[in-house]
Amino acid sequence: MEKHISHKKSDKREGVFELVKLMSKAEKRNFKLYATRLDGNEDAKFLRLFDALDSMESYSEERVLATCPTITKQQLPNLKAHLYKQILTSLRMLNVQHSAALQIRESIDFAKILFDKGLYGEAQKLLGKAETKARELEQWATLLDIVDLKRQLKVLSYSGEMNQVATKTARDSGEISTRVNNIAQLSLLSVQCYALHQHIGFARSQKDLDRMQTFFKPKIDSYDENTLNFTEKFYFYQCKAWYYYISHQTTLSYRYALKWLDHFKQNPEMKSVMYDGYLRAYAHILDGMYLMHKQTAFLRTLEEFERESAAISQLNDNAAMITQQILFTGQLNKCIMAGTYKDGLWLVKSIDSYLKKYGDRLSLLEKLPLYYKVATLYFGDGNYAKCIEYLSYIISVKDHSIRRDIQCYARMLNLMALYDAGMDFNIDYQIRSVYSFIVKMRDMTEMKSELLSFFKSFGNINALDLKKELKILYERLKPYERHRYERRTFYYIDLLSWLESKISGRSMGEIVRTKYEQNQEVELRKPANKKWYNRVLGM
């Protein structure tokens, strides 16, 4: 595999160089026009520095100084800072026409300039328009700045209405402050829920669930959904969706994710303003459908997301990066769910290209799930060498606090791949290593213990008795499908289908495809009778 897949990052990071390399051709052209707008700037040192950085594949101070002999080593830090500021200014001017939030902020800046010039009436007009737009898009923090500047204008243009003005300003400030505080609290809860999932995955025991109920539930339930505005509801639904997701209450999580998405569909003007939240709503719904085996709805929603995201992904690099991540995850889940492992292998090359392009900007939180899904694809296809290769990128992660769940299950899947590949010459060492890691992560469960015990006794099982022992293991694991905490293992590894393939002699893909087709037949017989479900999916 190419080096870009590695989770390691270079110790040397140069902000201005990275910014230059991420600029599009149009942005570079606009910057040149902006930078040379004044006479004499054509040969400016910061422009020579820009050209030097643009021509490099990797940053090297020595090469910069060699390429730009008029720049001294002492001047370089200040020149880089100046270039960085000029590029950001140029990008802001270019992008302001596409961003309502930037336009509002620009109007405030212009109003402040007019205010400083003593043109209070003109400043008031600009602020009035900015306030209307800010309220439409619920830019509450920005509204505080607008109200404060309007207050200053009223003080300077004293009239007999000052008491009414003061009262209205205080009322507006109080309302906006309340909204800002609610948004801050709800967004913090949402981040804390998400951070918990990135740390442990799903609740591992009743102890985990009790802690969640004590910490999160009272805070989330203290808000009345009916009194919240758009932004508050967005974070409220997000909190609820994550809380129920981690708590294994998948149906409730799914319902709030649908409300989260429906919220944007009822307010389409907010899709581009809060594009990240809009895209993540689809990600959450697709994941919920995958876990609940809602195959027909999953395929329909994935197609809908592909259509919807086409426009959103054009907004900026970040939107394109998030969209691609969600699409890859959805397409991988589609193949894993249907047992069409080989059909999904065409995705791997595209995923490698994606990681190469965005590797430095993607965190391990975003990379690890992709590695694991690709490894699962190869495992189902019987390509154990490639499966082990992708799992190695997870197993080699030094920070064990990141996605502990994936790091544990990656080691278990690796053990299964080694077993299937016949690479069991050091199986005892592998079992001890996996067991030690899972215990260290405080994630040992009955299911994991059963599977590890099977591998530990593997060397003592007679070949003629192997199928019998596999059937016994299957019967032991089957009841865990309905166990609140133990069933989470099946979210990561399809152990039962794997055992069925060993017992029957059929491929794992064939086993999963049969289940998939049977489940589709059952789904087709079920009427879609939930109004919120029909409305969101356009059925």
Protein backbone atom coordinates (compact mmCIF):
# COMPACT_ATOMS: atom_id res chain seq x y z
CA MET A 1 0.00 0.00 0.00
CA GLU A 2 1.12 3.54 -0.68
CA LYS A 3 2.70 5.54 2.11
CA HIS A 4 -0.15 8.06 2.13
CA ILE A 5 -2.34 5.52 3.88
CA SER A 6 -0.15 5.70 6.98
CA HIS A 7 -1.69 7.52 9.92
CA LYS A 8 1.62 9.17 10.73
CA LYS A 9 2.04 12.82 9.92
CA SER A 10 5.12 14.89 9.20
CA ASP A 11 6.58 16.67 12.21
CA LYS A 12 7.28 19.70 10.02
CA ARG A 13 4.11 21.65 9.20
CA GLU A 14 4.22 24.92 7.33
CA GLY A 15 0.85 26.68 7.31
CA VAL A 16 1.41 29.03 4.38
CA PHE A 17 2.80 26.23 2.22
CA GLU A 18 -0.21 23.99 2.93
CA LEU A 19 -2.57 26.86 2.17
CA VAL A 20 -0.88 27.54 -1.18
CA LYS A 21 -1.01 23.86 -2.16
CA LEU A 22 -4.72 23.68 -1.37
CA MET A 23 -5.63 26.66 -3.56
CA SER A 24 -7.44 25.98 -6.82
CA LYS A 25 -6.27 27.44 -10.13
CA ALA A 26 -9.03 30.05 -9.97
CA GLU A 27 -8.01 31.03 -6.43
CA LYS A 28 -4.35 31.36 -7.44
CA ARG A 29 -5.27 33.47 -10.45
CA ASN A 30 -7.47 35.70 -8.28
CA PHE A 31 -4.69 36.07 -5.73
CA LYS A 32 -2.22 37.18 -8.41
CA LEU A 33 -4.72 39.79 -9.65
CA TYR A 34 -5.35 40.94 -6.08
CA ALA A 35 -1.65 41.08 -5.15
CA THR A 36 -0.62 43.01 -8.28
CA ARG A 37 -3.48 45.51 -8.09
CA LEU A 38 -1.08 48.27 -7.05
CA ASP A 39 1.79 49.54 -9.18
CA GLY A 40 5.12 48.11 -8.21
CA ASN A 41 3.75 44.95 -6.64
CA GLU A 42 4.54 42.77 -9.66
CA ASP A 43 8.04 42.08 -8.33
CA ALA A 44 7.15 42.08 -4.64
CA LYS A 45 9.08 39.58 -2.56
CA PHE A 46 5.96 37.95 -1.15
CA LEU A 47 4.83 37.15 -4.73
CA ARG A 48 8.18 35.52 -5.47
CA LEU A 49 7.74 33.53 -2.29
CA PHE A 50 4.26 32.49 -3.44
CA ASP A 51 5.61 31.24 -6.80
CA ALA A 52 8.41 29.36 -5.03
CA LEU A 53 6.00 27.61 -2.67
CA ASP A 54 3.59 26.85 -5.50
CA SER A 55 6.34 25.06 -7.46
CA MET A 56 7.34 22.76 -4.57
CA GLU A 57 5.99 19.31 -3.81
CA SER A 58 7.17 19.47 -0.19
CA TYR A 59 8.30 22.42 1.89
CA SER A 60 12.03 23.18 2.15
CA GLU A 61 13.36 26.42 3.55
CA GLU A 62 16.69 25.84 1.82
CA ARG A 63 14.99 25.53 -1.55
CA VAL A 64 12.92 28.67 -0.91
CA LEU A 65 16.05 30.71 -0.19
CA ALA A 66 17.84 29.24 -3.21
CA THR A 67 14.87 29.99 -5.50
CA CYS A 68 14.45 33.54 -4.14
CA PRO A 69 17.99 34.94 -3.67
CA THR A 70 16.66 38.43 -2.84
CA ILE A 71 14.98 37.02 0.30
CA THR A 72 17.23 36.61 3.33
CA LYS A 73 16.75 34.01 6.02
CA GLN A 74 15.94 36.78 8.52
CA GLN A 75 13.20 38.19 6.25
CA LEU A 76 11.54 34.84 5.55
CA PRO A 77 9.34 34.50 8.71
CA ASN A 78 7.82 37.98 8.24
CA LEU A 79 7.33 37.40 4.51
CA LYS A 80 5.53 34.09 5.15
CA ALA A 81 3.24 35.79 7.67
CA HIS A 82 2.53 38.62 5.21
CA LEU A 83 1.86 36.20 2.35
CA TYR A 84 -0.45 34.14 4.56
CA LYS A 85 -2.50 37.23 5.42
CA GLN A 86 -2.65 38.39 1.79
CA ILE A 87 -3.86 34.98 0.59
CA LEU A 88 -6.58 34.84 3.26
CA THR A 89 -7.71 38.37 2.37
CA SER A 90 -7.84 37.39 -1.31
CA LEU A 91 -9.81 34.21 -0.56
CA ARG A 92 -12.23 36.14 1.62
CA MET A 93 -12.90 38.64 -1.16
CA LEU A 94 -13.39 35.81 -3.65
CA ASN A 95 -15.68 33.73 -1.44
CA VAL A 96 -17.78 36.45 0.14
CA GLN A 97 -20.22 36.37 -2.80
CA HIS A 98 -20.90 32.67 -2.08
CA SER A 99 -21.25 32.93 1.71
CA ALA A 100 -24.18 34.68 3.35
CA ALA A 101 -22.35 34.62 6.71
CA LEU A 102 -19.35 36.43 5.21
CA GLN A 103 -21.66 38.96 3.56
CA ILE A 104 -23.28 39.75 6.90
CA ARG A 105 -19.89 40.16 8.55
CA GLU A 106 -18.74 42.37 5.66
CA SER A 107 -21.79 44.61 6.12
CA ILE A 108 -20.95 45.00 9.82
CA ASP A 109 -17.36 45.95 8.97
CA PHE A 110 -18.57 48.50 6.41
CA ALA A 111 -21.08 49.91 8.90
CA LYS A 112 -18.29 50.32 11.46
CA ILE A 113 -16.22 52.26 8.89
CA LEU A 114 -19.21 54.53 8.18
CA PHE A 115 -19.76 54.88 11.93
CA ASP A 116 -16.17 56.00 12.41
CA LYS A 117 -16.65 58.55 9.61
CA GLY A 118 -19.69 59.94 11.38
CA LEU A 119 -22.12 58.75 8.67
CA TYR A 120 -24.60 57.36 11.17
CA GLY A 121 -27.59 57.22 8.83
CA GLU A 122 -25.72 55.19 6.20
CA ALA A 123 -24.35 52.89 8.88
CA GLN A 124 -27.87 52.39 10.24
CA LYS A 125 -29.15 51.34 6.81
CA LEU A 126 -26.40 48.75 6.38
CA LEU A 127 -26.96 47.37 9.86
CA GLY A 128 -30.70 47.09 9.27
CA LYS A 129 -30.16 44.92 6.20
CA ALA A 130 -27.47 42.87 7.98
CA GLU A 131 -29.78 42.31 10.97
CA THR A 132 -32.62 41.06 8.77
CA LYS A 133 -30.34 38.61 7.00
CA ALA A 134 -28.68 37.49 10.23
CA ARG A 135 -32.06 36.73 11.80
CA GLU A 136 -33.15 34.76 8.73
CA LEU A 137 -30.01 32.60 8.93
CA GLU A 138 -29.91 32.54 12.75
CA GLN A 139 -26.44 34.01 13.04
CA TRP A 140 -26.99 34.74 16.73
CA ALA A 141 -23.42 35.55 17.73
CA THR A 142 -23.19 38.00 14.83
CA LEU A 143 -26.51 39.54 15.86
CA LEU A 144 -24.97 40.50 19.21
CA ASP A 145 -22.38 42.59 17.36
CA ILE A 146 -25.09 44.20 15.22
CA VAL A 147 -27.28 45.08 18.22
CA ASP A 148 -24.28 46.53 20.06
CA LEU A 149 -23.30 48.73 17.11
CA LYS A 150 -26.91 49.84 16.66
CA ARG A 151 -26.97 50.82 20.34
CA GLN A 152 -23.87 52.97 19.84
CA LEU A 153 -25.50 54.66 16.84
CA LYS A 154 -28.66 55.47 18.80
CA VAL A 155 -26.64 56.93 21.65
CA LEU A 156 -24.87 59.28 19.24
CA SER A 157 -28.07 60.24 17.40
CA TYR A 158 -29.99 61.17 20.59
CA SER A 159 -33.74 61.66 20.28
CA GLY A 160 -36.84 61.64 22.42
CA GLU A 161 -37.25 57.94 21.70
CA MET A 162 -34.13 57.00 23.66
CA ASN A 163 -36.06 55.23 26.44
CA GLN A 164 -37.92 53.07 23.94
CA VAL A 165 -34.70 52.41 22.06
CA ALA A 166 -32.89 51.41 25.24
CA THR A 167 -35.72 49.08 26.24
CA LYS A 168 -35.84 47.45 22.79
CA THR A 169 -32.04 47.09 22.69
CA ALA A 170 -32.02 45.45 26.11
CA ARG A 171 -34.84 43.12 25.08
CA ASP A 172 -33.09 42.18 21.82
CA SER A 173 -29.78 41.65 23.58
CA GLY A 174 -31.44 39.48 26.21
CA GLU A 175 -33.21 37.32 23.62
CA ILE A 176 -30.07 36.92 21.52
CA SER A 177 -27.92 36.15 24.58
CA THR A 178 -30.39 33.45 25.62
CA ARG A 179 -30.26 31.92 22.14
CA VAL A 180 -26.47 32.07 22.05
CA ASN A 181 -26.27 30.46 25.49
CA ASN A 182 -28.69 27.67 24.48
CA ILE A 183 -26.73 27.00 21.30
CA ALA A 184 -23.45 26.95 23.24
CA GLN A 185 -24.84 24.48 25.78
CA LEU A 186 -26.52 22.20 23.24
CA SER A 187 -23.53 22.22 20.89
CA LEU A 188 -21.27 21.35 23.82
CA LEU A 189 -23.53 18.41 24.74
CA SER A 190 -23.50 17.28 21.13
CA VAL A 191 -19.71 17.39 20.99
CA GLN A 192 -19.45 15.53 24.29
CA CYS A 193 -21.78 12.77 23.00
CA TYR A 194 -19.80 12.50 19.78
CA ALA A 195 -16.50 12.47 21.69
CA LEU A 196 -17.78 9.64 23.88
CA HIS A 197 -18.66 7.60 20.81
CA GLN A 198 -15.23 8.24 19.30
CA HIS A 199 -13.71 7.06 22.57
CA ILE A 200 -15.64 3.87 23.35
CA GLY A 201 -18.04 3.29 20.45
CA PHE A 202 -21.25 1.94 21.98
CA ALA A 203 -22.11 1.58 25.67
CA ARG A 204 -20.26 -1.54 26.79
CA SER A 205 -22.24 -2.30 29.95
CA GLN A 206 -24.97 -1.09 32.25
CA LYS A 207 -22.29 0.90 34.06
CA ASP A 208 -21.57 2.89 30.88
CA LEU A 209 -25.27 3.44 30.34
CA ASP A 210 -25.84 4.59 33.93
CA ARG A 211 -23.05 7.15 33.57
CA MET A 212 -24.55 8.43 30.34
CA GLN A 213 -28.02 8.71 31.83
CA THR A 214 -26.66 10.60 34.82
CA PHE A 215 -24.56 13.03 32.78
CA PHE A 216 -26.40 13.56 29.49
CA LYS A 217 -30.08 12.74 29.87
CA PRO A 218 -31.10 15.41 32.44
CA LYS A 219 -29.29 18.11 30.46
CA ILE A 220 -30.79 17.14 27.10
CA ASP A 221 -34.29 16.65 28.52
CA SER A 222 -34.22 20.10 30.15
CA TYR A 223 -34.96 21.66 26.74
CA ASP A 224 -38.46 21.91 25.28
CA GLU A 225 -38.23 21.08 21.58
CA ASN A 226 -41.23 23.27 20.76
CA THR A 227 -39.58 26.47 22.07
CA LEU A 228 -36.32 26.09 20.14
CA ASN A 229 -35.31 27.91 16.97
CA PHE A 230 -33.63 26.27 13.97
CA THR A 231 -30.05 26.17 15.28
CA GLU A 232 -31.13 25.09 18.76
CA LYS A 233 -33.28 22.30 17.30
CA PHE A 234 -30.40 21.18 15.09
CA TYR A 235 -28.13 20.62 18.10
CA PHE A 236 -31.01 19.19 20.13
CA TYR A 237 -31.75 16.54 17.48
CA GLN A 238 -28.04 15.85 17.10
CA CYS A 239 -27.68 15.32 20.87
CA LYS A 240 -30.67 12.99 20.96
CA ALA A 241 -29.49 11.01 17.95
CA TRP A 242 -26.00 10.46 19.39
CA TYR A 243 -27.27 9.73 22.90
CA TYR A 244 -29.66 7.00 21.76
CA TYR A 245 -27.11 5.68 19.27
CA ILE A 246 -24.46 5.09 21.93
CA SER A 247 -27.15 3.66 24.25
CA HIS A 248 -28.05 0.93 21.70
CA GLN A 249 -31.52 2.45 21.24
CA THR A 250 -31.05 2.41 17.49
CA THR A 251 -34.69 3.01 16.57
CA LEU A 252 -34.92 6.18 18.67
CA SER A 253 -31.54 7.36 17.36
CA TYR A 254 -32.75 6.75 13.82
CA ARG A 255 -35.97 8.67 14.47
CA TYR A 256 -34.13 11.75 15.74
CA ALA A 257 -31.68 11.55 12.85
CA LEU A 258 -34.67 11.65 10.49
CA LYS A 259 -36.04 14.69 12.34
CA TRP A 260 -32.58 16.24 12.08
CA LEU A 261 -32.59 15.77 8.29
CA ASP A 262 -36.23 16.81 7.93
CA HIS A 263 -35.35 20.00 9.81
CA PHE A 264 -33.01 20.98 6.98
CA LYS A 265 -35.48 19.93 4.30
CA GLN A 266 -38.07 22.28 5.81
CA ASN A 267 -35.46 25.07 5.91
CA PRO A 268 -33.51 24.58 2.65
CA GLU A 269 -31.80 27.99 2.93
CA MET A 270 -29.80 26.57 5.86
CA LYS A 271 -28.29 23.69 3.90
CA SER A 272 -25.39 25.74 2.56
CA VAL A 273 -25.01 27.76 5.78
CA MET A 274 -24.66 24.66 7.98
CA TYR A 275 -23.59 22.20 5.29
CA ASP A 276 -21.59 20.08 7.74
CA GLY A 277 -24.66 19.43 9.89
CA TYR A 278 -26.79 18.70 6.83
CA LEU A 279 -24.34 16.14 5.44
CA ARG A 280 -23.83 14.49 8.84
CA ALA A 281 -27.58 13.97 9.16
CA TYR A 282 -27.45 11.71 6.10
CA ALA A 283 -24.41 9.91 7.53
CA HIS A 284 -26.27 9.18 10.76
CA ILE A 285 -29.39 7.96 8.97
CA LEU A 286 -27.42 5.69 6.64
CA ASP A 287 -25.54 4.22 9.58
CA GLY A 288 -28.79 3.62 11.47
CA MET A 289 -30.36 1.89 8.47
CA TYR A 290 -27.24 -0.26 8.09
CA LEU A 291 -27.34 -1.39 11.72
CA MET A 292 -31.07 -2.12 11.57
CA HIS A 293 -30.77 -3.90 8.18
CA LYS A 294 -33.28 -1.53 6.55
CA GLN A 295 -31.90 -2.49 3.16
CA THR A 296 -34.47 -0.96 0.81
CA ALA A 297 -34.51 2.35 2.68
CA PHE A 298 -30.70 2.33 2.88
CA LEU A 299 -30.32 2.02 -0.90
CA ARG A 300 -32.92 4.70 -1.55
CA THR A 301 -31.34 7.11 0.95
CA LEU A 302 -27.83 6.49 -0.40
CA GLU A 303 -29.06 7.38 -3.90
CA GLU A 304 -30.80 10.46 -2.52
CA PHE A 305 -27.61 11.52 -0.73
CA GLU A 306 -25.59 11.13 -3.93
CA ARG A 307 -28.01 13.52 -5.67
CA GLU A 308 -28.26 16.01 -2.81
CA SER A 309 -24.55 16.11 -2.04
CA ALA A 310 -23.58 16.94 -5.63
CA ALA A 311 -24.39 20.62 -5.09
CA ILE A 312 -23.25 20.82 -1.45
CA SER A 313 -19.84 19.30 -2.25
CA GLN A 314 -19.19 22.21 -4.63
CA LEU A 315 -19.29 24.76 -1.79
CA ASN A 316 -15.69 24.25 -0.65
CA ASP A 317 -12.95 21.67 -0.04
CA ASN A 318 -14.26 20.78 3.40
CA ALA A 319 -17.75 20.02 2.05
CA ALA A 320 -16.21 17.89 -0.73
CA MET A 321 -14.07 16.00 1.81
CA ILE A 322 -17.00 15.26 4.15
CA THR A 323 -19.26 14.25 1.25
CA GLN A 324 -16.71 11.81 -0.11
CA GLN A 325 -16.15 10.24 3.31
CA ILE A 326 -19.90 9.64 3.75
CA LEU A 327 -20.25 8.26 0.21
CA PHE A 328 -17.35 5.84 0.65
CA THR A 329 -18.72 4.62 3.99
CA GLY A 330 -22.20 4.19 2.51
CA GLN A 331 -20.93 2.33 -0.56
CA LEU A 332 -18.75 0.04 1.56
CA ASN A 333 -21.67 -0.69 3.91
CA LYS A 334 -23.86 -1.42 0.90
CA CYS A 335 -21.44 -4.13 -0.31
CA ILE A 336 -20.87 -5.56 3.18
CA MET A 337 -24.62 -5.67 3.88
CA ALA A 338 -25.38 -7.40 0.56
CA GLY A 339 -22.40 -9.77 0.69
CA THR A 340 -21.15 -8.43 -2.67
CA TYR A 341 -17.60 -8.12 -1.39
CA LYS A 342 -15.86 -8.56 -4.72
CA ASP A 343 -18.10 -5.95 -6.37
CA GLY A 344 -16.97 -3.46 -3.76
CA LEU A 345 -13.25 -3.87 -4.32
CA TRP A 346 -13.32 -1.24 -7.09
CA LEU A 347 -13.84 1.30 -4.31
CA VAL A 348 -10.46 0.66 -2.74
CA LYS A 349 -8.47 2.47 -5.42
CA SER A 350 -10.72 5.52 -5.08
CA ILE A 351 -10.38 5.41 -1.29
CA ASP A 352 -6.60 5.28 -1.62
CA SER A 353 -6.71 8.36 -3.86
CA TYR A 354 -8.99 10.11 -1.38
CA LEU A 355 -6.59 9.39 1.49
CA LYS A 356 -3.68 10.58 -0.59
CA LYS A 357 -5.44 13.85 -1.44
CA TYR A 358 -6.82 14.63 2.02
CA GLY A 359 -4.52 12.52 4.20
CA ASP A 360 -2.93 15.42 6.08
CA ARG A 361 -6.33 16.94 6.85
CA LEU A 362 -8.07 13.73 7.91
CA SER A 363 -7.80 12.70 11.54
CA LEU A 364 -7.51 9.14 12.78
CA LEU A 365 -11.17 9.39 13.78
CA GLU A 366 -11.99 9.63 10.08
CA LYS A 367 -9.38 7.22 8.76
CA LEU A 368 -9.86 4.26 11.12
CA PRO A 369 -13.47 3.48 10.10
CA LEU A 370 -12.44 3.45 6.43
CA TYR A 371 -9.50 1.14 7.09
CA TYR A 372 -11.77 -1.20 9.03
CA LYS A 373 -14.51 -1.25 6.38
CA VAL A 374 -11.99 -1.99 3.62
CA ALA A 375 -10.46 -4.77 5.71
CA THR A 376 -13.94 -6.23 6.26
CA LEU A 377 -14.52 -6.14 2.51
CA TYR A 378 -11.32 -8.09 1.85
CA PHE A 379 -12.11 -10.54 4.66
CA GLY A 380 -15.52 -11.32 3.17
CA ASP A 381 -13.91 -11.78 -0.24
CA GLY A 382 -11.37 -14.22 1.20
CA ASN A 383 -8.35 -12.00 0.46
CA TYR A 384 -6.85 -12.36 3.93
CA ALA A 385 -3.45 -10.87 3.06
CA LYS A 386 -5.06 -7.55 2.04
CA CYS A 387 -7.39 -7.72 5.03
CA ILE A 388 -4.42 -8.10 7.39
CA GLU A 389 -2.59 -5.29 5.58
CA TYR A 390 -5.39 -2.79 6.17
CA LEU A 391 -5.92 -3.95 9.74
CA SER A 392 -2.23 -3.34 10.41
CA TYR A 393 -2.81 0.40 9.97
CA ILE A 394 -5.28 0.26 12.84
CA ILE A 395 -3.28 -2.10 15.04
CA SER A 396 -0.16 0.07 14.71
CA VAL A 397 -1.93 3.17 16.09
CA LYS A 398 -0.12 4.28 19.24
CA ASP A 399 -2.96 6.28 20.76
CA HIS A 400 -5.33 3.66 22.17
CA SER A 401 -7.86 6.25 23.36
CA ILE A 402 -9.08 6.84 19.79
CA ARG A 403 -11.89 4.54 18.68
CA ARG A 404 -11.12 1.84 21.22
CA ASP A 405 -13.95 -0.21 19.77
CA ILE A 406 -12.42 -0.35 16.29
CA GLN A 407 -8.96 -1.01 17.70
CA CYS A 408 -10.30 -3.99 19.69
CA TYR A 409 -12.34 -5.48 16.85
CA ALA A 410 -9.51 -4.94 14.37
CA ARG A 411 -7.37 -7.27 16.49
CA MET A 412 -10.14 -9.84 16.65
CA LEU A 413 -10.76 -9.70 12.90
CA ASN A 414 -7.01 -9.98 12.36
CA LEU A 415 -7.01 -13.16 14.46
CA MET A 416 -9.84 -14.60 12.33
CA ALA A 417 -8.02 -13.64 9.11
CA LEU A 418 -4.82 -15.32 10.31
CA TYR A 419 -6.84 -18.44 11.15
CA ASP A 420 -8.56 -18.53 7.75
CA ALA A 421 -5.27 -17.88 5.95
CA GLY A 422 -3.67 -20.84 7.72
CA MET A 423 -1.14 -18.54 9.39
CA ASP A 424 -1.71 -20.06 12.82
CA PHE A 425 1.87 -21.03 13.65
CA ASN A 426 2.01 -18.44 16.47
CA ILE A 427 -1.70 -18.46 17.29
CA ASP A 428 -1.08 -18.72 21.06
CA TYR A 429 0.97 -15.52 21.04
CA GLN A 430 -1.66 -13.76 18.93
CA ILE A 431 -4.46 -14.81 21.28
CA ARG A 432 -2.56 -13.60 24.35
CA SER A 433 -1.81 -10.31 22.64
CA VAL A 434 -5.44 -9.73 21.65
CA TYR A 435 -6.73 -10.82 25.07
CA SER A 436 -4.28 -8.50 26.85
CA PHE A 437 -5.23 -5.53 24.69
CA ILE A 438 -8.99 -6.01 25.12
CA VAL A 439 -8.64 -6.35 28.89
CA LYS A 440 -6.44 -3.25 28.97
CA MET A 441 -9.16 -1.37 27.06
CA ARG A 442 -11.74 -2.67 29.58
CA ASP A 443 -13.77 -4.13 26.75
CA MET A 444 -13.79 -7.86 27.43
CA THR A 445 -17.27 -9.32 26.90
CA GLU A 446 -18.78 -12.79 27.01
CA MET A 447 -18.80 -12.99 23.21
CA LYS A 448 -15.15 -12.00 22.89
CA SER A 449 -14.25 -14.46 25.62
CA GLU A 450 -16.13 -17.27 23.84
CA LEU A 451 -14.36 -16.58 20.54
CA LEU A 452 -10.91 -16.30 22.10
CA SER A 453 -11.50 -19.54 24.04
CA PHE A 454 -12.35 -21.27 20.76
CA PHE A 455 -9.12 -20.11 19.13
CA LYS A 456 -7.16 -21.07 22.23
CA SER A 457 -8.49 -24.63 22.11
CA PHE A 458 -8.11 -24.85 18.32
CA GLY A 459 -4.80 -26.73 18.52
CA ASN A 460 -6.43 -29.47 20.59
CA ILE A 461 -9.43 -29.99 18.30
CA ASN A 462 -9.33 -33.03 16.08
CA ALA A 463 -9.93 -32.18 12.41
CA LEU A 464 -12.89 -34.58 12.37
CA ASP A 465 -14.46 -32.76 15.33
CA LEU A 466 -13.87 -29.22 14.00
CA LYS A 467 -17.28 -28.82 12.38
CA LYS A 468 -18.94 -30.06 15.56
CA GLU A 469 -17.04 -27.50 17.66
CA LEU A 470 -17.93 -24.74 15.21
CA LYS A 471 -21.62 -25.64 15.55
CA ILE A 472 -21.30 -25.50 19.34
CA LEU A 473 -19.68 -22.07 19.11
CA TYR A 474 -22.45 -20.91 16.74
CA GLU A 475 -25.16 -22.03 19.18
CA ARG A 476 -23.40 -20.20 22.00
CA LEU A 477 -23.08 -16.95 20.06
CA LYS A 478 -26.49 -16.93 18.37
CA PRO A 479 -28.47 -15.77 21.46
CA TYR A 480 -26.24 -12.70 21.77
CA GLU A 481 -27.93 -11.18 18.71
CA ARG A 482 -30.64 -9.87 21.04
CA HIS A 483 -28.43 -9.05 24.02
CA ARG A 484 -28.39 -5.29 24.62
CA TYR A 485 -24.63 -4.94 25.04
CA GLU A 486 -23.17 -8.12 23.56
CA ARG A 487 -24.87 -7.63 20.20
CA ARG A 488 -22.61 -4.68 19.39
CA THR A 489 -19.97 -7.19 18.28
CA PHE A 490 -22.22 -8.05 15.33
CA TYR A 491 -22.08 -4.37 14.28
CA TYR A 492 -18.38 -4.85 13.56
CA ILE A 493 -17.94 -8.54 12.70
CA ASP A 494 -20.53 -10.84 11.13
CA LEU A 495 -19.47 -13.77 13.28
CA LEU A 496 -22.57 -15.86 12.66
CA SER A 497 -22.25 -15.71 8.86
CA TRP A 498 -18.56 -16.54 9.18
CA LEU A 499 -19.36 -19.60 11.31
CA GLU A 500 -22.17 -20.66 8.95
CA SER A 501 -19.74 -20.56 6.02
CA LYS A 502 -17.28 -22.75 7.94
CA ILE A 503 -19.98 -25.23 8.89
CA SER A 504 -21.69 -25.41 5.48
CA GLY A 505 -18.63 -25.09 3.27
CA ARG A 506 -20.20 -22.18 1.37
CA SER A 507 -18.47 -18.84 0.95
CA MET A 508 -19.22 -16.07 3.42
CA GLY A 509 -20.43 -13.90 0.55
CA GLU A 510 -22.96 -16.52 -0.48
CA ILE A 511 -24.25 -16.83 3.10
CA VAL A 512 -24.66 -13.05 3.50
CA ARG A 513 -26.27 -12.63 0.07
CA THR A 514 -28.86 -15.26 0.89
CA LYS A 515 -29.77 -13.48 4.14
CA TYR A 516 -29.86 -10.16 2.30
CA GLU A 517 -32.31 -11.44 -0.32
CA GLN A 518 -34.52 -13.04 2.33
CA ASN A 519 -34.58 -9.81 4.34
CA GLN A 520 -35.50 -7.82 1.21
CA GLU A 521 -38.49 -10.09 0.63
CA VAL A 522 -39.64 -9.45 4.20
CA GLU A 523 -39.17 -5.69 3.79
CA LEU A 524 -41.24 -5.60 0.62
CA ARG A 525 -44.17 -7.11 2.50
CA LYS A 526 -44.02 -4.39 5.19
CA PRO A 527 -46.13 -1.26 4.54
CA ALA A 528 -44.46 2.11 5.09
CA ASN A 529 -46.85 3.60 7.62
CA LYS A 530 -44.85 6.25 9.47
CA LYS A 531 -45.60 9.78 8.28
CA TRP A 532 -42.26 11.19 9.43
CA TYR A 533 -40.44 8.36 7.66
CA ASN A 534 -42.39 8.85 4.42
CA ARG A 535 -41.94 12.62 4.46
CA VAL A 536 -38.18 12.51 4.98
CA LEU A 537 -37.53 9.87 2.34
CA GLY A 538 -40.01 11.35 -0.12
CA MET A 539 -42.06 8.16 -0.35
